[in-house]
Amino acid sequence: MVHEFKQTWMGRKLVRRTGWHYVPTLSHWCPACEEVHDFAVEQPFTNGAKWTWNGIRSAPSFEPSMNIRVGPYPEGLKETGMVDICHYFLRNGQIQFLPDCTHSHAGKTVPLPDIPAETVGKFTPIEGDPNDAS
């Protein structure tokens, strides 16, 4: 089965993606991981994870927390057995990184950044829903 991948810009902080994880997601830039992270808000991921969104593009909030864990790494990649953790709340346009993060942003709160210009070209800008709060 071929899944069509579409993206809809929702301001410069969020992009709505469909076909990526086979469920629609709202995605944002993570300054700690230097990549996009995805929230499933319409239907859950296959692991059951699903979030609520406050509907505000310019100052989004998602509940519950996002908890991304990658690893443990096999021998020869990074430190054998290491697990990378990015665990945070995104509330009112602020990313609150929790102390269990394994990156340099652990314990810090930072404003949600715009998706970087060099990454913007990787997404196809499509007009967002004009009725959606911005």
N, C-alpha and C. Protein backbone atom coordinates (compact mmCIF):
# COMPACT_ATOMS: atom_id res chain seq x y z
N MET A 1 0.84 -1.17 0.00
CA MET A 1 0.00 0.00 0.00
C MET A 1 0.89 1.24 0.00
N VAL A 2 0.59 2.22 -0.84
CA VAL A 2 1.33 3.46 -0.91
C VAL A 2 0.55 4.52 -0.15
N HIS A 3 1.24 5.23 0.76
CA HIS A 3 0.63 6.29 1.54
C HIS A 3 1.10 7.63 1.01
N GLU A 4 0.16 8.50 0.70
CA GLU A 4 0.51 9.83 0.24
C GLU A 4 0.92 10.68 1.43
N PHE A 5 2.06 11.36 1.30
CA PHE A 5 2.59 12.19 2.37
C PHE A 5 2.25 13.63 2.08
N LYS A 6 1.48 14.27 2.98
CA LYS A 6 1.09 15.67 2.81
C LYS A 6 1.41 16.44 4.07
N GLN A 7 1.69 17.73 3.90
CA GLN A 7 1.97 18.60 5.03
C GLN A 7 1.24 19.91 4.84
N THR A 8 0.73 20.45 5.93
CA THR A 8 0.03 21.73 5.91
C THR A 8 0.65 22.62 6.96
N TRP A 9 1.16 23.77 6.52
CA TRP A 9 1.75 24.72 7.47
C TRP A 9 0.68 25.29 8.37
N MET A 10 1.00 25.42 9.63
CA MET A 10 0.10 26.00 10.62
C MET A 10 0.88 27.08 11.34
N GLY A 11 1.26 28.14 10.63
CA GLY A 11 2.18 29.13 11.15
C GLY A 11 3.58 28.61 10.92
N ARG A 12 4.56 29.13 11.60
CA ARG A 12 5.94 28.69 11.44
C ARG A 12 6.38 27.74 12.55
N LYS A 13 5.51 27.48 13.51
CA LYS A 13 5.87 26.63 14.64
C LYS A 13 5.34 25.21 14.51
N LEU A 14 4.27 25.02 13.76
CA LEU A 14 3.66 23.70 13.60
C LEU A 14 3.44 23.38 12.14
N VAL A 15 3.51 22.11 11.83
CA VAL A 15 3.12 21.63 10.50
C VAL A 15 2.27 20.38 10.73
N ARG A 16 1.17 20.28 10.00
CA ARG A 16 0.31 19.09 10.08
C ARG A 16 0.78 18.13 9.00
N ARG A 17 1.10 16.90 9.40
CA ARG A 17 1.61 15.91 8.45
C ARG A 17 0.67 14.72 8.43
N THR A 18 0.40 14.22 7.24
CA THR A 18 -0.40 13.01 7.09
C THR A 18 0.40 12.02 6.25
N GLY A 19 0.23 10.76 6.54
CA GLY A 19 0.92 9.73 5.79
C GLY A 19 2.29 9.41 6.34
N TRP A 20 2.73 10.14 7.36
CA TRP A 20 4.07 9.94 7.91
C TRP A 20 4.10 8.71 8.81
N HIS A 21 3.30 8.70 9.82
CA HIS A 21 3.20 7.55 10.74
C HIS A 21 1.89 6.80 10.48
N TYR A 22 1.31 7.02 9.31
CA TYR A 22 0.03 6.44 8.94
C TYR A 22 -1.12 7.04 9.73
N VAL A 23 -0.83 8.03 10.56
CA VAL A 23 -1.87 8.81 11.23
C VAL A 23 -1.47 10.28 11.10
N PRO A 24 -2.44 11.21 11.08
CA PRO A 24 -2.09 12.63 11.03
C PRO A 24 -1.36 13.06 12.30
N THR A 25 -0.38 13.94 12.14
CA THR A 25 0.35 14.45 13.29
C THR A 25 0.47 15.96 13.21
N LEU A 26 0.68 16.60 14.35
CA LEU A 26 1.12 17.99 14.41
C LEU A 26 2.58 17.92 14.84
N SER A 27 3.44 18.55 14.06
CA SER A 27 4.87 18.42 14.25
C SER A 27 5.50 19.77 14.55
N HIS A 28 6.55 19.74 15.36
CA HIS A 28 7.26 20.97 15.72
C HIS A 28 8.76 20.69 15.75
N TRP A 29 9.55 21.76 15.77
CA TRP A 29 11.00 21.62 15.84
C TRP A 29 11.44 21.49 17.29
N CYS A 30 12.30 20.53 17.57
CA CYS A 30 12.88 20.36 18.89
C CYS A 30 14.30 20.91 18.85
N PRO A 31 14.57 22.01 19.57
CA PRO A 31 15.91 22.59 19.53
C PRO A 31 16.96 21.72 20.21
N ALA A 32 16.56 20.83 21.08
CA ALA A 32 17.51 19.95 21.77
C ALA A 32 17.97 18.82 20.85
N CYS A 33 17.03 18.19 20.16
CA CYS A 33 17.34 17.06 19.28
C CYS A 33 17.69 17.52 17.86
N GLU A 34 17.38 18.78 17.57
CA GLU A 34 17.59 19.36 16.24
C GLU A 34 16.90 18.54 15.16
N GLU A 35 15.63 18.24 15.43
CA GLU A 35 14.78 17.53 14.48
C GLU A 35 13.32 17.78 14.83
N VAL A 36 12.44 17.33 13.95
CA VAL A 36 11.01 17.49 14.14
C VAL A 36 10.48 16.35 15.01
N HIS A 37 9.59 16.69 15.97
CA HIS A 37 8.89 15.69 16.77
C HIS A 37 7.40 15.77 16.43
N ASP A 38 6.71 14.64 16.52
CA ASP A 38 5.33 14.52 16.07
C ASP A 38 4.37 14.18 17.20
N PHE A 39 3.25 14.92 17.27
CA PHE A 39 2.15 14.63 18.19
C PHE A 39 0.98 14.09 17.39
N ALA A 40 0.44 12.94 17.76
CA ALA A 40 -0.78 12.41 17.17
C ALA A 40 -1.95 12.98 17.97
N VAL A 41 -2.79 13.79 17.33
CA VAL A 41 -3.90 14.41 18.05
C VAL A 41 -5.27 13.96 17.54
N GLU A 42 -5.33 13.41 16.34
CA GLU A 42 -6.61 12.99 15.78
C GLU A 42 -6.91 11.52 16.04
N GLN A 43 -5.89 10.69 15.96
CA GLN A 43 -6.02 9.27 16.26
C GLN A 43 -4.68 8.81 16.79
N PRO A 44 -4.64 7.76 17.60
CA PRO A 44 -3.39 7.35 18.24
C PRO A 44 -2.41 6.70 17.27
N PHE A 45 -1.13 6.78 17.65
CA PHE A 45 -0.10 5.99 16.97
C PHE A 45 -0.40 4.52 17.22
N THR A 46 0.28 3.64 16.52
CA THR A 46 0.04 2.21 16.70
C THR A 46 0.34 1.75 18.13
N ASN A 47 1.18 2.50 18.87
CA ASN A 47 1.48 2.13 20.26
C ASN A 47 0.44 2.68 21.24
N GLY A 48 -0.59 3.38 20.71
CA GLY A 48 -1.65 3.91 21.54
C GLY A 48 -1.46 5.35 21.99
N ALA A 49 -0.28 5.94 21.72
CA ALA A 49 0.01 7.31 22.16
C ALA A 49 -0.84 8.32 21.40
N LYS A 50 -1.48 9.21 22.15
CA LYS A 50 -2.32 10.27 21.58
C LYS A 50 -2.32 11.45 22.53
N TRP A 51 -2.36 12.67 21.98
CA TRP A 51 -2.30 13.89 22.77
C TRP A 51 -3.50 14.77 22.49
N THR A 52 -3.79 15.67 23.42
CA THR A 52 -4.76 16.72 23.19
C THR A 52 -3.99 17.99 22.85
N TRP A 53 -4.61 18.87 22.07
CA TRP A 53 -4.00 20.12 21.62
C TRP A 53 -4.96 21.25 21.94
N ASN A 54 -4.43 22.39 22.38
CA ASN A 54 -5.28 23.53 22.73
C ASN A 54 -5.80 24.29 21.51
N GLY A 55 -5.35 23.98 20.31
CA GLY A 55 -5.85 24.60 19.09
C GLY A 55 -5.21 25.95 18.75
N ILE A 56 -4.22 26.36 19.52
CA ILE A 56 -3.58 27.66 19.27
C ILE A 56 -2.24 27.44 18.57
N ARG A 57 -2.16 27.87 17.32
CA ARG A 57 -0.95 27.65 16.53
C ARG A 57 0.27 28.39 17.07
N SER A 58 0.07 29.64 17.48
CA SER A 58 1.21 30.47 17.89
C SER A 58 1.72 30.14 19.30
N ALA A 59 0.90 29.53 20.13
CA ALA A 59 1.29 29.15 21.49
C ALA A 59 0.66 27.80 21.83
N PRO A 60 1.08 26.75 21.14
CA PRO A 60 0.43 25.45 21.34
C PRO A 60 0.74 24.82 22.69
N SER A 61 -0.24 24.04 23.15
CA SER A 61 -0.09 23.18 24.32
C SER A 61 -0.56 21.79 23.94
N PHE A 62 0.18 20.79 24.38
CA PHE A 62 -0.17 19.40 24.16
C PHE A 62 -0.09 18.68 25.50
N GLU A 63 -1.02 17.79 25.74
CA GLU A 63 -1.04 16.96 26.95
C GLU A 63 -1.28 15.52 26.52
N PRO A 64 -0.68 14.54 27.16
CA PRO A 64 0.31 14.62 28.23
C PRO A 64 1.69 14.97 27.68
N SER A 65 2.73 14.70 28.45
CA SER A 65 4.10 15.00 28.03
C SER A 65 4.49 14.13 26.83
N MET A 66 5.50 14.61 26.10
CA MET A 66 6.13 13.83 25.03
C MET A 66 7.34 13.14 25.66
N ASN A 67 7.48 11.84 25.42
CA ASN A 67 8.60 11.09 26.00
C ASN A 67 9.19 10.20 24.90
N ILE A 68 10.27 10.68 24.31
CA ILE A 68 10.92 9.97 23.20
C ILE A 68 12.16 9.27 23.74
N ARG A 69 12.25 7.98 23.48
CA ARG A 69 13.40 7.19 23.92
C ARG A 69 13.93 6.43 22.71
N VAL A 70 15.23 6.59 22.44
CA VAL A 70 15.88 5.91 21.33
C VAL A 70 17.03 5.08 21.90
N GLY A 71 17.05 3.81 21.58
CA GLY A 71 18.09 2.92 22.08
C GLY A 71 17.42 1.77 22.82
N PRO A 72 18.17 0.94 23.50
CA PRO A 72 19.62 1.04 23.69
C PRO A 72 20.39 0.76 22.40
N TYR A 73 21.53 1.44 22.30
CA TYR A 73 22.35 1.33 21.09
C TYR A 73 23.18 0.05 21.11
N PRO A 74 23.30 -0.59 19.94
CA PRO A 74 24.13 -1.80 19.86
C PRO A 74 25.62 -1.43 19.90
N GLU A 75 26.43 -2.41 20.07
CA GLU A 75 27.88 -2.21 20.12
C GLU A 75 28.35 -1.50 18.85
N GLY A 76 29.17 -0.48 19.04
CA GLY A 76 29.72 0.27 17.91
C GLY A 76 28.98 1.55 17.59
N LEU A 77 27.77 1.75 18.13
CA LEU A 77 27.01 2.98 17.90
C LEU A 77 26.89 3.72 19.22
N LYS A 78 27.36 4.97 19.23
CA LYS A 78 27.35 5.77 20.46
C LYS A 78 27.96 4.94 21.58
N GLU A 79 27.40 5.04 22.75
CA GLU A 79 27.86 4.21 23.87
C GLU A 79 26.96 2.98 23.92
N THR A 80 27.54 1.82 23.85
CA THR A 80 26.78 0.58 23.85
C THR A 80 25.80 0.57 25.03
N GLY A 81 24.54 0.28 24.74
CA GLY A 81 23.51 0.20 25.77
C GLY A 81 22.89 1.54 26.14
N MET A 82 23.44 2.66 25.63
CA MET A 82 22.92 3.99 25.97
C MET A 82 21.52 4.20 25.39
N VAL A 83 20.68 4.93 26.11
CA VAL A 83 19.35 5.30 25.64
C VAL A 83 19.28 6.83 25.62
N ASP A 84 18.94 7.41 24.46
CA ASP A 84 18.71 8.85 24.36
C ASP A 84 17.28 9.14 24.77
N ILE A 85 17.09 10.17 25.61
CA ILE A 85 15.75 10.52 26.10
C ILE A 85 15.50 12.00 25.85
N CYS A 86 14.34 12.30 25.25
CA CYS A 86 13.84 13.67 25.12
C CYS A 86 12.44 13.65 25.70
N HIS A 87 12.29 14.20 26.90
CA HIS A 87 11.02 14.14 27.64
C HIS A 87 10.64 15.56 28.02
N TYR A 88 9.45 16.00 27.59
CA TYR A 88 9.08 17.40 27.81
C TYR A 88 7.58 17.60 27.77
N PHE A 89 7.18 18.75 28.32
CA PHE A 89 5.83 19.27 28.14
C PHE A 89 5.94 20.43 27.16
N LEU A 90 4.98 20.56 26.29
CA LEU A 90 4.87 21.74 25.42
C LEU A 90 3.58 22.43 25.85
N ARG A 91 3.76 23.58 26.52
CA ARG A 91 2.62 24.31 27.09
C ARG A 91 2.73 25.79 26.76
N ASN A 92 1.66 26.32 26.21
CA ASN A 92 1.59 27.75 25.90
C ASN A 92 2.80 28.25 25.11
N GLY A 93 3.24 27.44 24.17
CA GLY A 93 4.37 27.83 23.32
C GLY A 93 5.72 27.73 23.99
N GLN A 94 5.80 27.07 25.13
CA GLN A 94 7.06 26.88 25.85
C GLN A 94 7.35 25.38 25.97
N ILE A 95 8.59 25.00 25.66
CA ILE A 95 9.00 23.60 25.83
C ILE A 95 9.68 23.48 27.19
N GLN A 96 9.09 22.69 28.07
CA GLN A 96 9.65 22.45 29.40
C GLN A 96 10.31 21.07 29.37
N PHE A 97 11.64 21.06 29.18
CA PHE A 97 12.39 19.81 29.14
C PHE A 97 12.54 19.29 30.57
N LEU A 98 12.23 18.04 30.77
CA LEU A 98 12.24 17.45 32.10
C LEU A 98 13.64 16.95 32.46
N PRO A 99 13.91 16.78 33.75
CA PRO A 99 15.27 16.42 34.20
C PRO A 99 15.80 15.09 33.70
N ASP A 100 14.91 14.17 33.26
CA ASP A 100 15.40 12.88 32.79
C ASP A 100 15.90 12.90 31.35
N CYS A 101 15.84 14.06 30.68
CA CYS A 101 16.40 14.17 29.32
C CYS A 101 17.90 13.90 29.37
N THR A 102 18.41 13.30 28.32
CA THR A 102 19.85 13.00 28.27
C THR A 102 20.61 14.03 27.43
N HIS A 103 19.96 15.09 27.00
CA HIS A 103 20.63 16.13 26.21
C HIS A 103 20.85 17.39 27.05
N SER A 104 21.49 18.39 26.45
CA SER A 104 21.90 19.59 27.18
C SER A 104 20.74 20.49 27.61
N HIS A 105 19.53 20.24 27.14
CA HIS A 105 18.38 21.06 27.52
C HIS A 105 17.64 20.53 28.76
N ALA A 106 18.12 19.44 29.35
CA ALA A 106 17.46 18.85 30.52
C ALA A 106 17.25 19.90 31.60
N GLY A 107 16.00 19.99 32.09
CA GLY A 107 15.68 20.92 33.17
C GLY A 107 15.45 22.36 32.72
N LYS A 108 15.54 22.64 31.44
CA LYS A 108 15.37 24.01 30.93
C LYS A 108 14.00 24.19 30.32
N THR A 109 13.52 25.42 30.30
CA THR A 109 12.30 25.79 29.59
C THR A 109 12.69 26.81 28.54
N VAL A 110 12.28 26.56 27.29
CA VAL A 110 12.64 27.45 26.17
C VAL A 110 11.40 27.71 25.33
N PRO A 111 11.35 28.87 24.66
CA PRO A 111 10.23 29.13 23.75
C PRO A 111 10.25 28.15 22.58
N LEU A 112 9.07 27.75 22.13
CA LEU A 112 8.97 26.90 20.95
C LEU A 112 9.51 27.67 19.75
N PRO A 113 10.56 27.18 19.11
CA PRO A 113 11.13 27.92 17.98
C PRO A 113 10.34 27.69 16.70
N ASP A 114 10.54 28.60 15.74
CA ASP A 114 10.04 28.36 14.40
C ASP A 114 10.80 27.16 13.83
N ILE A 115 10.18 26.47 12.90
CA ILE A 115 10.89 25.41 12.19
C ILE A 115 11.99 26.09 11.37
N PRO A 116 13.26 25.69 11.51
CA PRO A 116 14.37 26.39 10.87
C PRO A 116 14.24 26.50 9.35
N ALA A 117 14.76 27.60 8.82
CA ALA A 117 14.66 27.88 7.38
C ALA A 117 15.24 26.74 6.55
N GLU A 118 16.36 26.16 6.98
CA GLU A 118 16.96 25.08 6.20
C GLU A 118 16.11 23.81 6.20
N THR A 119 15.21 23.68 7.18
CA THR A 119 14.31 22.54 7.25
C THR A 119 13.02 22.83 6.51
N VAL A 120 12.65 24.11 6.44
CA VAL A 120 11.39 24.50 5.79
C VAL A 120 11.31 23.94 4.38
N GLY A 121 12.42 23.95 3.64
CA GLY A 121 12.42 23.45 2.27
C GLY A 121 12.09 21.98 2.16
N LYS A 122 12.22 21.24 3.25
CA LYS A 122 11.90 19.81 3.24
C LYS A 122 10.40 19.57 3.36
N PHE A 123 9.65 20.62 3.71
CA PHE A 123 8.21 20.52 3.85
C PHE A 123 7.54 21.27 2.72
N THR A 124 6.41 20.80 2.27
CA THR A 124 5.65 21.48 1.24
C THR A 124 4.66 22.40 1.91
N PRO A 125 4.86 23.74 1.78
CA PRO A 125 3.91 24.64 2.43
C PRO A 125 2.57 24.64 1.73
N ILE A 126 1.52 24.39 2.50
CA ILE A 126 0.14 24.43 2.00
C ILE A 126 -0.62 25.31 2.96
N GLU A 127 -1.52 26.10 2.46
CA GLU A 127 -2.28 27.01 3.31
C GLU A 127 -2.97 26.26 4.43
N GLY A 128 -2.81 26.74 5.67
CA GLY A 128 -3.47 26.13 6.82
C GLY A 128 -4.93 26.53 6.88
N ASP A 129 -5.66 25.97 7.80
CA ASP A 129 -7.07 26.25 7.99
C ASP A 129 -7.24 27.67 8.52
N PRO A 130 -7.84 28.59 7.73
CA PRO A 130 -7.96 29.97 8.18
C PRO A 130 -8.86 30.13 9.40
N ASN A 131 -9.66 29.12 9.71
CA ASN A 131 -10.52 29.20 10.89
C ASN A 131 -9.83 28.73 12.15
N ASP A 132 -8.63 28.16 12.01
CA ASP A 132 -7.89 27.67 13.15
C ASP A 132 -7.26 28.86 13.89
N ALA A 133 -7.32 28.84 15.21
CA ALA A 133 -6.74 29.93 16.00
C ALA A 133 -5.25 30.03 15.74
N SER A 134 -4.75 31.24 15.61
CA SER A 134 -3.31 31.40 15.42
C SER A 134 -2.80 32.27 16.52
